[in-house]
Amino acid sequence: MSLNAVLFDMDGTLVDSESMHFVCWSQLLKPYGVSYLENDFCQRFSGRPTLEAAIEIKQEHNLSVSAQFLADEKYRLFGEYVKSNLPPIMPYAEQTLKAVKRSGLKMALVTGSASAEAMPILKGLGFYELFDTVVTKDDVINPKPAGDPYLLALKNINEAAENAIAVEDTFTGVTAANNASLDVVAIANSHTQDHDFSRATYKMSDLGEFWQWVESQL
């Protein structure tokens, strides 16, 4: 493998934002008398498209509002929340991003979040300018687990899949990378330990281990 580019997921991979998503979902669902335990909710929905989660929640609780309304409200609430509440950074994330940048490899951010959710985080943490391209769910018709977001990122940085690697933390993300013919590193977090990572090319404990692997490829 000739490694030319690294494509990073955001939520749960670079930033510990799943709890923030849970806070916004809880705020949204409270008027409907719906509540979940945080760990149960995150285990179930981490990495899954917001609209898919909304459809499941609406059906499960027989809610009168549409799934699209729930999804749109979730995006709006999260976009407002992150303006004043930045998520914690995952272990070794900042060091790894800066090290990859210094190495001269191309870097892409490929997230299932909406632009209004992702941009305040990336810019607030100072990560945005590190990436050669940022692809959010708003940039594609078919978000993760479809391969479209990764294919668009590869097109934007003019790189072939066989010369790049993706870094993900969920089954959905690994599937998306697979669907774009990318090798993918799975790094589970506390909410995704039980996800099926059997299709990942590599499984690693954290981004520090990933950077050591990158160095071995240079």
N, C-alpha and C. Protein backbone atom coordinates (compact mmCIF):
# COMPACT_ATOMS: atom_id res chain seq x y z
N MET A 1 0.84 -1.20 0.00
CA MET A 1 0.00 0.00 0.00
C MET A 1 0.87 1.25 0.00
N SER A 2 0.61 2.14 -0.93
CA SER A 2 1.27 3.44 -0.95
C SER A 2 0.32 4.46 -0.32
N LEU A 3 0.58 4.83 0.93
CA LEU A 3 -0.36 5.68 1.66
C LEU A 3 -0.14 7.15 1.30
N ASN A 4 -1.20 7.76 0.74
CA ASN A 4 -1.14 9.18 0.36
C ASN A 4 -2.14 10.03 1.13
N ALA A 5 -3.15 9.41 1.75
CA ALA A 5 -4.21 10.20 2.37
C ALA A 5 -4.86 9.46 3.53
N VAL A 6 -5.31 10.24 4.52
CA VAL A 6 -6.05 9.70 5.66
C VAL A 6 -7.39 10.43 5.72
N LEU A 7 -8.46 9.65 5.86
CA LEU A 7 -9.81 10.21 5.91
C LEU A 7 -10.41 9.89 7.27
N PHE A 8 -10.65 10.93 8.06
CA PHE A 8 -11.11 10.76 9.43
C PHE A 8 -12.61 10.97 9.56
N ASP A 9 -13.27 10.10 10.30
CA ASP A 9 -14.60 10.37 10.83
C ASP A 9 -14.45 11.41 11.95
N MET A 10 -15.56 12.01 12.39
CA MET A 10 -15.46 13.01 13.45
C MET A 10 -16.05 12.52 14.78
N ASP A 11 -17.37 12.33 14.83
CA ASP A 11 -18.04 11.99 16.09
C ASP A 11 -17.59 10.64 16.61
N GLY A 12 -17.05 10.62 17.82
CA GLY A 12 -16.61 9.38 18.43
C GLY A 12 -15.22 8.94 18.01
N THR A 13 -14.69 9.57 16.95
CA THR A 13 -13.35 9.26 16.46
C THR A 13 -12.36 10.34 16.86
N LEU A 14 -12.70 11.59 16.54
CA LEU A 14 -11.85 12.73 16.91
C LEU A 14 -12.36 13.44 18.15
N VAL A 15 -13.68 13.46 18.32
CA VAL A 15 -14.27 14.16 19.47
C VAL A 15 -15.29 13.25 20.15
N ASP A 16 -15.39 13.39 21.46
CA ASP A 16 -16.31 12.58 22.27
C ASP A 16 -17.65 13.31 22.33
N SER A 17 -18.37 13.27 21.22
CA SER A 17 -19.59 14.08 21.08
C SER A 17 -20.88 13.30 21.25
N GLU A 18 -20.79 11.98 21.42
CA GLU A 18 -22.01 11.18 21.49
C GLU A 18 -22.90 11.62 22.66
N SER A 19 -22.29 12.00 23.78
CA SER A 19 -23.09 12.46 24.93
C SER A 19 -23.83 13.75 24.60
N MET A 20 -23.21 14.59 23.76
CA MET A 20 -23.86 15.83 23.35
C MET A 20 -25.05 15.55 22.45
N HIS A 21 -24.90 14.59 21.56
CA HIS A 21 -26.03 14.19 20.72
C HIS A 21 -27.17 13.66 21.60
N PHE A 22 -26.81 12.89 22.61
CA PHE A 22 -27.82 12.35 23.52
C PHE A 22 -28.56 13.47 24.26
N VAL A 23 -27.84 14.47 24.72
CA VAL A 23 -28.47 15.62 25.41
C VAL A 23 -29.51 16.27 24.51
N CYS A 24 -29.16 16.47 23.25
CA CYS A 24 -30.09 17.12 22.31
C CYS A 24 -31.29 16.24 21.99
N TRP A 25 -31.05 14.95 21.81
CA TRP A 25 -32.18 14.04 21.60
C TRP A 25 -33.10 14.04 22.82
N SER A 26 -32.53 14.02 24.01
CA SER A 26 -33.33 14.00 25.23
C SER A 26 -34.19 15.25 25.35
N GLN A 27 -33.59 16.39 25.02
CA GLN A 27 -34.33 17.66 25.07
C GLN A 27 -35.48 17.65 24.06
N LEU A 28 -35.21 17.10 22.89
CA LEU A 28 -36.22 17.04 21.84
C LEU A 28 -37.38 16.12 22.21
N LEU A 29 -37.06 14.98 22.81
CA LEU A 29 -38.07 13.95 23.06
C LEU A 29 -38.84 14.13 24.36
N LYS A 30 -38.32 14.95 25.27
CA LYS A 30 -38.95 15.12 26.59
C LYS A 30 -40.40 15.56 26.50
N PRO A 31 -40.77 16.52 25.63
CA PRO A 31 -42.19 16.93 25.55
C PRO A 31 -43.13 15.81 25.12
N TYR A 32 -42.56 14.76 24.51
CA TYR A 32 -43.38 13.64 24.05
C TYR A 32 -43.39 12.50 25.07
N GLY A 33 -42.77 12.74 26.22
CA GLY A 33 -42.75 11.72 27.28
C GLY A 33 -41.84 10.56 26.97
N VAL A 34 -40.84 10.79 26.12
CA VAL A 34 -39.92 9.73 25.72
C VAL A 34 -38.55 9.98 26.35
N SER A 35 -37.99 8.97 26.99
CA SER A 35 -36.66 9.11 27.57
C SER A 35 -35.89 7.81 27.41
N TYR A 36 -34.59 7.93 27.34
CA TYR A 36 -33.70 6.78 27.23
C TYR A 36 -32.57 6.94 28.24
N LEU A 37 -31.96 5.81 28.63
CA LEU A 37 -30.72 5.86 29.37
C LEU A 37 -29.59 6.17 28.39
N GLU A 38 -28.65 7.01 28.80
CA GLU A 38 -27.62 7.47 27.87
C GLU A 38 -26.85 6.33 27.22
N ASN A 39 -26.38 5.39 28.03
CA ASN A 39 -25.56 4.33 27.47
C ASN A 39 -26.35 3.47 26.49
N ASP A 40 -27.61 3.17 26.84
CA ASP A 40 -28.45 2.37 25.96
C ASP A 40 -28.67 3.10 24.63
N PHE A 41 -28.95 4.40 24.72
CA PHE A 41 -29.22 5.18 23.51
C PHE A 41 -27.99 5.25 22.61
N CYS A 42 -26.85 5.52 23.21
CA CYS A 42 -25.63 5.68 22.42
C CYS A 42 -25.18 4.35 21.82
N GLN A 43 -25.32 3.26 22.57
CA GLN A 43 -24.98 1.95 22.02
C GLN A 43 -25.83 1.64 20.79
N ARG A 44 -27.07 2.06 20.86
CA ARG A 44 -28.03 1.73 19.80
C ARG A 44 -27.91 2.62 18.58
N PHE A 45 -27.65 3.90 18.79
CA PHE A 45 -27.74 4.85 17.68
C PHE A 45 -26.42 5.49 17.26
N SER A 46 -25.33 5.25 17.97
CA SER A 46 -24.05 5.86 17.59
C SER A 46 -23.68 5.51 16.15
N GLY A 47 -23.38 6.54 15.38
CA GLY A 47 -22.95 6.34 14.01
C GLY A 47 -24.05 6.20 13.00
N ARG A 48 -25.28 6.02 13.46
CA ARG A 48 -26.39 5.83 12.52
C ARG A 48 -26.93 7.18 12.06
N PRO A 49 -27.43 7.26 10.83
CA PRO A 49 -27.98 8.53 10.34
C PRO A 49 -29.10 9.04 11.24
N THR A 50 -29.14 10.35 11.41
CA THR A 50 -30.14 10.96 12.29
C THR A 50 -31.56 10.63 11.84
N LEU A 51 -31.81 10.69 10.55
CA LEU A 51 -33.16 10.39 10.06
C LEU A 51 -33.53 8.94 10.33
N GLU A 52 -32.58 8.04 10.18
CA GLU A 52 -32.83 6.62 10.48
C GLU A 52 -33.20 6.45 11.94
N ALA A 53 -32.47 7.12 12.83
CA ALA A 53 -32.78 7.06 14.26
C ALA A 53 -34.17 7.64 14.52
N ALA A 54 -34.48 8.76 13.86
CA ALA A 54 -35.77 9.42 14.05
C ALA A 54 -36.92 8.52 13.62
N ILE A 55 -36.74 7.82 12.51
CA ILE A 55 -37.78 6.90 12.02
C ILE A 55 -38.03 5.80 13.06
N GLU A 56 -36.96 5.25 13.60
CA GLU A 56 -37.08 4.17 14.57
C GLU A 56 -37.74 4.65 15.86
N ILE A 57 -37.33 5.84 16.32
CA ILE A 57 -37.91 6.39 17.55
C ILE A 57 -39.38 6.71 17.36
N LYS A 58 -39.74 7.28 16.23
CA LYS A 58 -41.15 7.61 15.95
C LYS A 58 -42.01 6.34 15.94
N GLN A 59 -41.51 5.30 15.29
CA GLN A 59 -42.27 4.06 15.21
C GLN A 59 -42.38 3.39 16.58
N GLU A 60 -41.29 3.39 17.31
CA GLU A 60 -41.25 2.72 18.61
C GLU A 60 -42.23 3.34 19.60
N HIS A 61 -42.37 4.67 19.55
CA HIS A 61 -43.19 5.37 20.52
C HIS A 61 -44.48 5.94 19.92
N ASN A 62 -44.73 5.58 18.66
CA ASN A 62 -45.98 5.98 17.99
C ASN A 62 -46.18 7.50 18.09
N LEU A 63 -45.15 8.26 17.77
CA LEU A 63 -45.22 9.72 17.87
C LEU A 63 -46.03 10.30 16.71
N SER A 64 -46.72 11.39 16.99
CA SER A 64 -47.59 11.99 15.98
C SER A 64 -46.82 12.82 14.96
N VAL A 65 -45.65 13.33 15.34
CA VAL A 65 -44.87 14.16 14.42
C VAL A 65 -44.08 13.27 13.46
N SER A 66 -43.67 13.85 12.34
CA SER A 66 -42.95 13.07 11.33
C SER A 66 -41.50 12.83 11.75
N ALA A 67 -40.92 11.79 11.21
CA ALA A 67 -39.52 11.50 11.46
C ALA A 67 -38.64 12.62 10.92
N GLN A 68 -39.02 13.20 9.79
CA GLN A 68 -38.23 14.30 9.22
C GLN A 68 -38.25 15.51 10.14
N PHE A 69 -39.39 15.78 10.78
CA PHE A 69 -39.46 16.88 11.75
C PHE A 69 -38.51 16.62 12.91
N LEU A 70 -38.51 15.40 13.43
CA LEU A 70 -37.62 15.05 14.54
C LEU A 70 -36.16 15.23 14.14
N ALA A 71 -35.81 14.77 12.94
CA ALA A 71 -34.43 14.89 12.48
C ALA A 71 -34.03 16.34 12.33
N ASP A 72 -34.90 17.14 11.71
CA ASP A 72 -34.58 18.56 11.50
C ASP A 72 -34.42 19.29 12.83
N GLU A 73 -35.27 18.98 13.79
CA GLU A 73 -35.18 19.61 15.11
C GLU A 73 -33.90 19.19 15.83
N LYS A 74 -33.52 17.92 15.66
CA LYS A 74 -32.27 17.44 16.26
C LYS A 74 -31.08 18.21 15.70
N TYR A 75 -31.04 18.37 14.38
CA TYR A 75 -29.96 19.14 13.76
C TYR A 75 -29.92 20.56 14.31
N ARG A 76 -31.10 21.18 14.42
CA ARG A 76 -31.17 22.56 14.89
C ARG A 76 -30.69 22.68 16.33
N LEU A 77 -31.17 21.77 17.20
CA LEU A 77 -30.78 21.81 18.60
C LEU A 77 -29.28 21.60 18.78
N PHE A 78 -28.73 20.64 18.03
CA PHE A 78 -27.30 20.36 18.18
C PHE A 78 -26.47 21.54 17.67
N GLY A 79 -26.90 22.12 16.54
CA GLY A 79 -26.20 23.27 16.01
C GLY A 79 -26.14 24.43 16.99
N GLU A 80 -27.23 24.61 17.74
CA GLU A 80 -27.26 25.66 18.76
C GLU A 80 -26.40 25.27 19.97
N TYR A 81 -26.48 24.02 20.36
CA TYR A 81 -25.79 23.53 21.55
C TYR A 81 -24.27 23.66 21.42
N VAL A 82 -23.74 23.31 20.24
CA VAL A 82 -22.29 23.30 20.09
C VAL A 82 -21.69 24.70 19.97
N LYS A 83 -22.53 25.70 19.80
CA LYS A 83 -22.01 27.07 19.74
C LYS A 83 -21.38 27.47 21.08
N SER A 84 -21.87 26.86 22.15
CA SER A 84 -21.34 27.21 23.48
C SER A 84 -20.86 25.98 24.25
N ASN A 85 -20.92 24.80 23.65
CA ASN A 85 -20.49 23.58 24.32
C ASN A 85 -19.68 22.72 23.36
N LEU A 86 -18.37 22.86 23.38
CA LEU A 86 -17.52 22.04 22.52
C LEU A 86 -17.26 20.69 23.18
N PRO A 87 -17.22 19.62 22.39
CA PRO A 87 -17.01 18.29 22.98
C PRO A 87 -15.56 18.07 23.38
N PRO A 88 -15.32 17.15 24.31
CA PRO A 88 -13.94 16.77 24.64
C PRO A 88 -13.28 16.12 23.41
N ILE A 89 -11.97 16.29 23.33
CA ILE A 89 -11.20 15.69 22.24
C ILE A 89 -10.83 14.26 22.63
N MET A 90 -10.94 13.34 21.69
CA MET A 90 -10.58 11.95 21.96
C MET A 90 -9.08 11.82 22.20
N PRO A 91 -8.65 10.80 22.96
CA PRO A 91 -7.22 10.63 23.24
C PRO A 91 -6.37 10.62 21.98
N TYR A 92 -5.30 11.40 21.99
CA TYR A 92 -4.31 11.50 20.92
C TYR A 92 -4.84 12.13 19.63
N ALA A 93 -6.09 12.62 19.63
CA ALA A 93 -6.66 13.14 18.38
C ALA A 93 -5.89 14.36 17.87
N GLU A 94 -5.69 15.34 18.74
CA GLU A 94 -5.02 16.56 18.28
C GLU A 94 -3.59 16.27 17.84
N GLN A 95 -2.88 15.48 18.62
CA GLN A 95 -1.49 15.15 18.27
C GLN A 95 -1.43 14.41 16.94
N THR A 96 -2.36 13.48 16.74
CA THR A 96 -2.36 12.67 15.52
C THR A 96 -2.71 13.51 14.31
N LEU A 97 -3.72 14.37 14.42
CA LEU A 97 -4.08 15.23 13.29
C LEU A 97 -2.90 16.11 12.88
N LYS A 98 -2.24 16.70 13.84
CA LYS A 98 -1.12 17.59 13.53
C LYS A 98 0.07 16.81 12.98
N ALA A 99 0.27 15.60 13.48
CA ALA A 99 1.37 14.77 12.98
C ALA A 99 1.11 14.34 11.54
N VAL A 100 -0.11 13.94 11.24
CA VAL A 100 -0.46 13.56 9.87
C VAL A 100 -0.29 14.76 8.94
N LYS A 101 -0.70 15.93 9.39
CA LYS A 101 -0.56 17.14 8.58
C LYS A 101 0.90 17.42 8.29
N ARG A 102 1.74 17.33 9.32
CA ARG A 102 3.18 17.59 9.15
C ARG A 102 3.84 16.57 8.21
N SER A 103 3.28 15.37 8.17
CA SER A 103 3.86 14.31 7.34
C SER A 103 3.69 14.58 5.85
N GLY A 104 2.79 15.49 5.51
CA GLY A 104 2.54 15.79 4.11
C GLY A 104 1.44 14.96 3.48
N LEU A 105 0.86 14.02 4.23
CA LEU A 105 -0.27 13.25 3.71
C LEU A 105 -1.49 14.16 3.55
N LYS A 106 -2.32 13.84 2.56
CA LYS A 106 -3.59 14.55 2.42
C LYS A 106 -4.52 14.13 3.55
N MET A 107 -5.40 15.05 3.96
CA MET A 107 -6.31 14.76 5.06
C MET A 107 -7.72 15.20 4.71
N ALA A 108 -8.68 14.33 4.99
CA ALA A 108 -10.09 14.65 4.78
C ALA A 108 -10.88 14.36 6.05
N LEU A 109 -11.92 15.13 6.27
CA LEU A 109 -12.87 14.88 7.36
C LEU A 109 -14.16 14.44 6.70
N VAL A 110 -14.65 13.27 7.07
CA VAL A 110 -15.85 12.70 6.45
C VAL A 110 -16.81 12.34 7.57
N THR A 111 -17.87 13.13 7.73
CA THR A 111 -18.77 12.95 8.86
C THR A 111 -20.21 12.73 8.42
N GLY A 112 -20.93 11.98 9.25
CA GLY A 112 -22.35 11.79 9.04
C GLY A 112 -23.18 12.92 9.63
N SER A 113 -22.52 13.84 10.31
CA SER A 113 -23.22 14.98 10.89
C SER A 113 -23.54 16.01 9.81
N ALA A 114 -24.52 16.86 10.11
CA ALA A 114 -24.84 17.97 9.23
C ALA A 114 -23.77 19.04 9.36
N SER A 115 -23.69 19.90 8.36
CA SER A 115 -22.70 20.98 8.38
C SER A 115 -22.88 21.88 9.60
N ALA A 116 -24.14 22.17 9.96
CA ALA A 116 -24.41 23.04 11.10
C ALA A 116 -23.97 22.41 12.42
N GLU A 117 -23.85 21.09 12.45
CA GLU A 117 -23.37 20.39 13.63
C GLU A 117 -21.84 20.31 13.64
N ALA A 118 -21.25 20.01 12.48
CA ALA A 118 -19.82 19.74 12.41
C ALA A 118 -18.96 21.00 12.44
N MET A 119 -19.36 22.03 11.71
CA MET A 119 -18.50 23.19 11.54
C MET A 119 -18.18 23.92 12.86
N PRO A 120 -19.17 24.13 13.76
CA PRO A 120 -18.81 24.77 15.03
C PRO A 120 -17.79 23.99 15.83
N ILE A 121 -17.84 22.66 15.74
CA ILE A 121 -16.88 21.82 16.45
C ILE A 121 -15.50 21.95 15.81
N LEU A 122 -15.43 21.76 14.50
CA LEU A 122 -14.14 21.78 13.80
C LEU A 122 -13.46 23.14 13.94
N LYS A 123 -14.23 24.21 13.79
CA LYS A 123 -13.65 25.55 13.88
C LYS A 123 -13.36 25.94 15.32
N GLY A 124 -14.24 25.53 16.24
CA GLY A 124 -14.04 25.85 17.65
C GLY A 124 -12.82 25.19 18.24
N LEU A 125 -12.49 24.00 17.76
CA LEU A 125 -11.33 23.26 18.25
C LEU A 125 -10.06 23.56 17.45
N GLY A 126 -10.22 24.33 16.38
CA GLY A 126 -9.06 24.65 15.55
C GLY A 126 -8.64 23.54 14.60
N PHE A 127 -9.55 22.61 14.33
CA PHE A 127 -9.23 21.48 13.46
C PHE A 127 -9.54 21.76 11.98
N TYR A 128 -10.44 22.67 11.72
CA TYR A 128 -10.97 22.84 10.37
C TYR A 128 -9.87 23.06 9.34
N GLU A 129 -8.92 23.95 9.65
CA GLU A 129 -7.90 24.31 8.68
C GLU A 129 -6.88 23.20 8.44
N LEU A 130 -6.91 22.14 9.24
CA LEU A 130 -5.99 21.03 9.04
C LEU A 130 -6.38 20.16 7.85
N PHE A 131 -7.66 20.20 7.47
CA PHE A 131 -8.16 19.28 6.45
C PHE A 131 -8.14 19.89 5.05
N ASP A 132 -7.83 19.04 4.08
CA ASP A 132 -7.86 19.46 2.68
C ASP A 132 -9.29 19.51 2.15
N THR A 133 -10.17 18.74 2.75
CA THR A 133 -11.59 18.80 2.41
C THR A 133 -12.40 18.33 3.60
N VAL A 134 -13.61 18.86 3.73
CA VAL A 134 -14.56 18.43 4.76
C VAL A 134 -15.86 18.05 4.06
N VAL A 135 -16.30 16.82 4.26
CA VAL A 135 -17.55 16.33 3.67
C VAL A 135 -18.52 16.01 4.81
N THR A 136 -19.69 16.65 4.77
CA THR A 136 -20.74 16.38 5.75
C THR A 136 -21.90 15.68 5.07
N LYS A 137 -22.91 15.33 5.84
CA LYS A 137 -24.06 14.63 5.24
C LYS A 137 -24.81 15.53 4.26
N ASP A 138 -24.64 16.85 4.40
CA ASP A 138 -25.32 17.79 3.50
C ASP A 138 -24.73 17.80 2.11
N ASP A 139 -23.54 17.24 1.95
CA ASP A 139 -22.84 17.30 0.67
C ASP A 139 -23.17 16.13 -0.25
N VAL A 140 -23.94 15.17 0.24
CA VAL A 140 -24.26 13.97 -0.55
C VAL A 140 -25.74 13.65 -0.45
N ILE A 141 -26.25 12.94 -1.42
CA ILE A 141 -27.64 12.49 -1.36
C ILE A 141 -27.76 11.30 -0.42
N ASN A 142 -26.77 10.42 -0.48
CA ASN A 142 -26.79 9.21 0.35
C ASN A 142 -25.65 9.26 1.36
N PRO A 143 -25.95 9.59 2.64
CA PRO A 143 -24.89 9.64 3.66
C PRO A 143 -24.47 8.24 4.10
N LYS A 144 -23.51 8.19 5.02
CA LYS A 144 -23.13 6.90 5.61
C LYS A 144 -24.39 6.17 6.09
N PRO A 145 -24.50 4.85 5.89
CA PRO A 145 -23.45 3.89 5.53
C PRO A 145 -23.16 3.74 4.04
N ALA A 146 -23.79 4.55 3.19
CA ALA A 146 -23.40 4.55 1.78
C ALA A 146 -21.95 5.02 1.66
N GLY A 147 -21.30 4.63 0.60
CA GLY A 147 -19.92 5.03 0.40
C GLY A 147 -19.76 6.43 -0.18
N ASP A 148 -20.88 7.08 -0.54
CA ASP A 148 -20.84 8.36 -1.24
C ASP A 148 -20.00 9.44 -0.55
N PRO A 149 -20.11 9.62 0.80
CA PRO A 149 -19.30 10.66 1.43
C PRO A 149 -17.79 10.43 1.24
N TYR A 150 -17.37 9.20 1.36
CA TYR A 150 -15.95 8.89 1.17
C TYR A 150 -15.54 9.04 -0.28
N LEU A 151 -16.40 8.64 -1.20
CA LEU A 151 -16.09 8.80 -2.62
C LEU A 151 -15.95 10.27 -2.99
N LEU A 152 -16.81 11.12 -2.42
CA LEU A 152 -16.71 12.56 -2.67
C LEU A 152 -15.42 13.12 -2.10
N ALA A 153 -15.05 12.70 -0.90
CA ALA A 153 -13.81 13.17 -0.29
C ALA A 153 -12.61 12.78 -1.14
N LEU A 154 -12.58 11.54 -1.62
CA LEU A 154 -11.49 11.08 -2.47
C LEU A 154 -11.42 11.91 -3.75
N LYS A 155 -12.58 12.21 -4.32
CA LYS A 155 -12.62 13.04 -5.53
C LYS A 155 -12.08 14.44 -5.23
N ASN A 156 -12.46 15.00 -4.08
CA ASN A 156 -12.05 16.36 -3.74
C ASN A 156 -10.54 16.49 -3.55
N ILE A 157 -9.92 15.42 -3.05
CA ILE A 157 -8.47 15.47 -2.83
C ILE A 157 -7.70 14.77 -3.95
N ASN A 158 -8.44 14.35 -4.98
CA ASN A 158 -7.83 13.74 -6.17
C ASN A 158 -6.95 12.54 -5.79
N GLU A 159 -7.56 11.63 -5.04
CA GLU A 159 -6.82 10.46 -4.57
C GLU A 159 -7.60 9.19 -4.82
N ALA A 160 -6.89 8.10 -5.08
CA ALA A 160 -7.52 6.80 -5.29
C ALA A 160 -7.72 6.09 -3.96
N ALA A 161 -8.77 5.29 -3.89
CA ALA A 161 -9.10 4.59 -2.64
C ALA A 161 -7.96 3.69 -2.19
N GLU A 162 -7.26 3.08 -3.15
CA GLU A 162 -6.20 2.14 -2.77
C GLU A 162 -4.99 2.82 -2.14
N ASN A 163 -4.93 4.14 -2.23
CA ASN A 163 -3.82 4.89 -1.62
C ASN A 163 -4.26 5.69 -0.40
N ALA A 164 -5.39 5.32 0.17
CA ALA A 164 -5.93 6.06 1.32
C ALA A 164 -6.46 5.09 2.36
N ILE A 165 -6.65 5.61 3.57
CA ILE A 165 -7.23 4.80 4.64
C ILE A 165 -8.21 5.65 5.43
N ALA A 166 -9.30 5.03 5.87
CA ALA A 166 -10.31 5.71 6.68
C ALA A 166 -10.14 5.30 8.14
N VAL A 167 -10.58 6.20 9.04
CA VAL A 167 -10.55 5.92 10.48
C VAL A 167 -11.95 6.11 11.02
N GLU A 168 -12.52 5.08 11.61
CA GLU A 168 -13.92 5.08 12.04
C GLU A 168 -14.08 4.47 13.42
N ASP A 169 -15.25 4.71 14.02
CA ASP A 169 -15.52 4.18 15.37
C ASP A 169 -16.82 3.41 15.46
N THR A 170 -17.55 3.28 14.34
CA THR A 170 -18.84 2.60 14.39
C THR A 170 -18.98 1.60 13.24
N PHE A 171 -19.93 0.69 13.39
CA PHE A 171 -20.26 -0.25 12.31
C PHE A 171 -20.70 0.50 11.06
N THR A 172 -21.52 1.54 11.25
CA THR A 172 -22.00 2.34 10.12
C THR A 172 -20.83 2.95 9.35
N GLY A 173 -19.88 3.51 10.08
CA GLY A 173 -18.74 4.14 9.44
C GLY A 173 -17.85 3.16 8.71
N VAL A 174 -17.59 2.02 9.34
CA VAL A 174 -16.79 0.98 8.69
C VAL A 174 -17.47 0.52 7.40
N THR A 175 -18.78 0.36 7.46
CA THR A 175 -19.54 -0.04 6.27
C THR A 175 -19.41 0.99 5.16
N ALA A 176 -19.49 2.27 5.51
CA ALA A 176 -19.36 3.34 4.52
C ALA A 176 -17.99 3.29 3.85
N ALA A 177 -16.94 3.09 4.64
CA ALA A 177 -15.60 3.00 4.07
C ALA A 177 -15.47 1.78 3.17
N ASN A 178 -16.02 0.65 3.61
CA ASN A 178 -16.03 -0.56 2.79
C ASN A 178 -16.71 -0.30 1.45
N ASN A 179 -17.84 0.41 1.50
CA ASN A 179 -18.61 0.68 0.28
C ASN A 179 -17.89 1.62 -0.67
N ALA A 180 -16.85 2.30 -0.19
CA ALA A 180 -16.02 3.15 -1.05
C ALA A 180 -14.70 2.47 -1.40
N SER A 181 -14.61 1.16 -1.10
CA SER A 181 -13.42 0.35 -1.41
C SER A 181 -12.18 0.82 -0.67
N LEU A 182 -12.38 1.40 0.52
CA LEU A 182 -11.28 1.89 1.33
C LEU A 182 -10.87 0.87 2.39
N ASP A 183 -9.59 0.78 2.66
CA ASP A 183 -9.16 0.14 3.90
C ASP A 183 -9.62 1.02 5.05
N VAL A 184 -9.92 0.41 6.19
CA VAL A 184 -10.46 1.20 7.30
C VAL A 184 -9.94 0.67 8.64
N VAL A 185 -9.55 1.61 9.48
CA VAL A 185 -9.15 1.32 10.86
C VAL A 185 -10.35 1.56 11.76
N ALA A 186 -10.71 0.58 12.57
CA ALA A 186 -11.78 0.74 13.55
C ALA A 186 -11.18 0.97 14.92
N ILE A 187 -11.59 2.09 15.55
CA ILE A 187 -11.16 2.39 16.91
C ILE A 187 -12.43 2.56 17.75
N ALA A 188 -12.77 1.55 18.51
CA ALA A 188 -14.00 1.59 19.29
C ALA A 188 -13.86 2.60 20.43
N ASN A 189 -15.00 3.22 20.78
CA ASN A 189 -15.04 4.04 21.99
C ASN A 189 -15.98 3.38 22.99
N SER A 190 -16.24 4.05 24.10
CA SER A 190 -17.03 3.41 25.16
C SER A 190 -18.45 3.07 24.72
N HIS A 191 -18.95 3.76 23.69
CA HIS A 191 -20.31 3.51 23.22
C HIS A 191 -20.37 2.49 22.08
N THR A 192 -19.22 2.15 21.51
CA THR A 192 -19.25 1.28 20.32
C THR A 192 -18.43 0.00 20.50
N GLN A 193 -18.15 -0.35 21.74
CA GLN A 193 -17.36 -1.56 22.01
C GLN A 193 -18.01 -2.82 21.45
N ASP A 194 -19.34 -2.81 21.39
CA ASP A 194 -20.06 -4.00 20.95
C ASP A 194 -20.41 -3.97 19.47
N HIS A 195 -19.96 -2.96 18.75
CA HIS A 195 -20.25 -2.90 17.31
C HIS A 195 -19.48 -4.00 16.56
N ASP A 196 -20.04 -4.40 15.43
CA ASP A 196 -19.41 -5.42 14.59
C ASP A 196 -18.33 -4.76 13.72
N PHE A 197 -17.08 -5.02 14.03
CA PHE A 197 -15.98 -4.46 13.26
C PHE A 197 -15.26 -5.54 12.45
N SER A 198 -15.98 -6.61 12.14
CA SER A 198 -15.36 -7.73 11.44
C SER A 198 -14.91 -7.35 10.02
N ARG A 199 -15.50 -6.30 9.46
CA ARG A 199 -15.13 -5.89 8.10
C ARG A 199 -14.06 -4.80 8.10
N ALA A 200 -13.60 -4.40 9.27
CA ALA A 200 -12.51 -3.43 9.33
C ALA A 200 -11.19 -4.08 8.91
N THR A 201 -10.34 -3.31 8.26
CA THR A 201 -9.04 -3.82 7.84
C THR A 201 -8.13 -4.01 9.05
N TYR A 202 -8.20 -3.05 9.97
CA TYR A 202 -7.42 -3.09 11.21
C TYR A 202 -8.31 -2.66 12.36
N LYS A 203 -8.01 -3.18 13.54
CA LYS A 203 -8.65 -2.71 14.77
C LYS A 203 -7.54 -2.21 15.69
N MET A 204 -7.69 -0.98 16.15
CA MET A 204 -6.66 -0.38 17.00
C MET A 204 -7.29 0.20 18.25
N SER A 205 -6.44 0.40 19.27
CA SER A 205 -6.95 0.82 20.57
C SER A 205 -7.21 2.31 20.66
N ASP A 206 -6.41 3.11 19.94
CA ASP A 206 -6.58 4.56 20.00
C ASP A 206 -5.83 5.20 18.83
N LEU A 207 -5.94 6.53 18.72
CA LEU A 207 -5.31 7.25 17.62
C LEU A 207 -3.79 7.31 17.75
N GLY A 208 -3.29 7.12 18.97
CA GLY A 208 -1.85 7.04 19.14
C GLY A 208 -1.28 5.82 18.43
N GLU A 209 -1.95 4.69 18.60
CA GLU A 209 -1.54 3.47 17.90
C GLU A 209 -1.67 3.66 16.39
N PHE A 210 -2.73 4.35 15.97
CA PHE A 210 -2.91 4.59 14.53
C PHE A 210 -1.75 5.40 13.96
N TRP A 211 -1.32 6.46 14.66
CA TRP A 211 -0.22 7.27 14.15
C TRP A 211 1.06 6.45 14.04
N GLN A 212 1.30 5.56 14.98
CA GLN A 212 2.47 4.69 14.90
C GLN A 212 2.40 3.84 13.64
N TRP A 213 1.20 3.37 13.31
CA TRP A 213 1.03 2.59 12.09
C TRP A 213 1.29 3.47 10.86
N VAL A 214 0.76 4.69 10.86
CA VAL A 214 0.98 5.61 9.74
C VAL A 214 2.49 5.82 9.53
N GLU A 215 3.21 6.05 10.60
CA GLU A 215 4.66 6.27 10.49
C GLU A 215 5.35 5.08 9.83
N SER A 216 4.85 3.88 10.11
CA SER A 216 5.45 2.68 9.53
C SER A 216 5.21 2.57 8.03
N GLN A 217 4.22 3.35 7.53
CA GLN A 217 3.87 3.29 6.11
C GLN A 217 4.58 4.38 5.30
N LEU A 218 5.21 5.33 5.98
CA LEU A 218 5.81 6.47 5.28
C LEU A 218 7.23 6.14 4.80
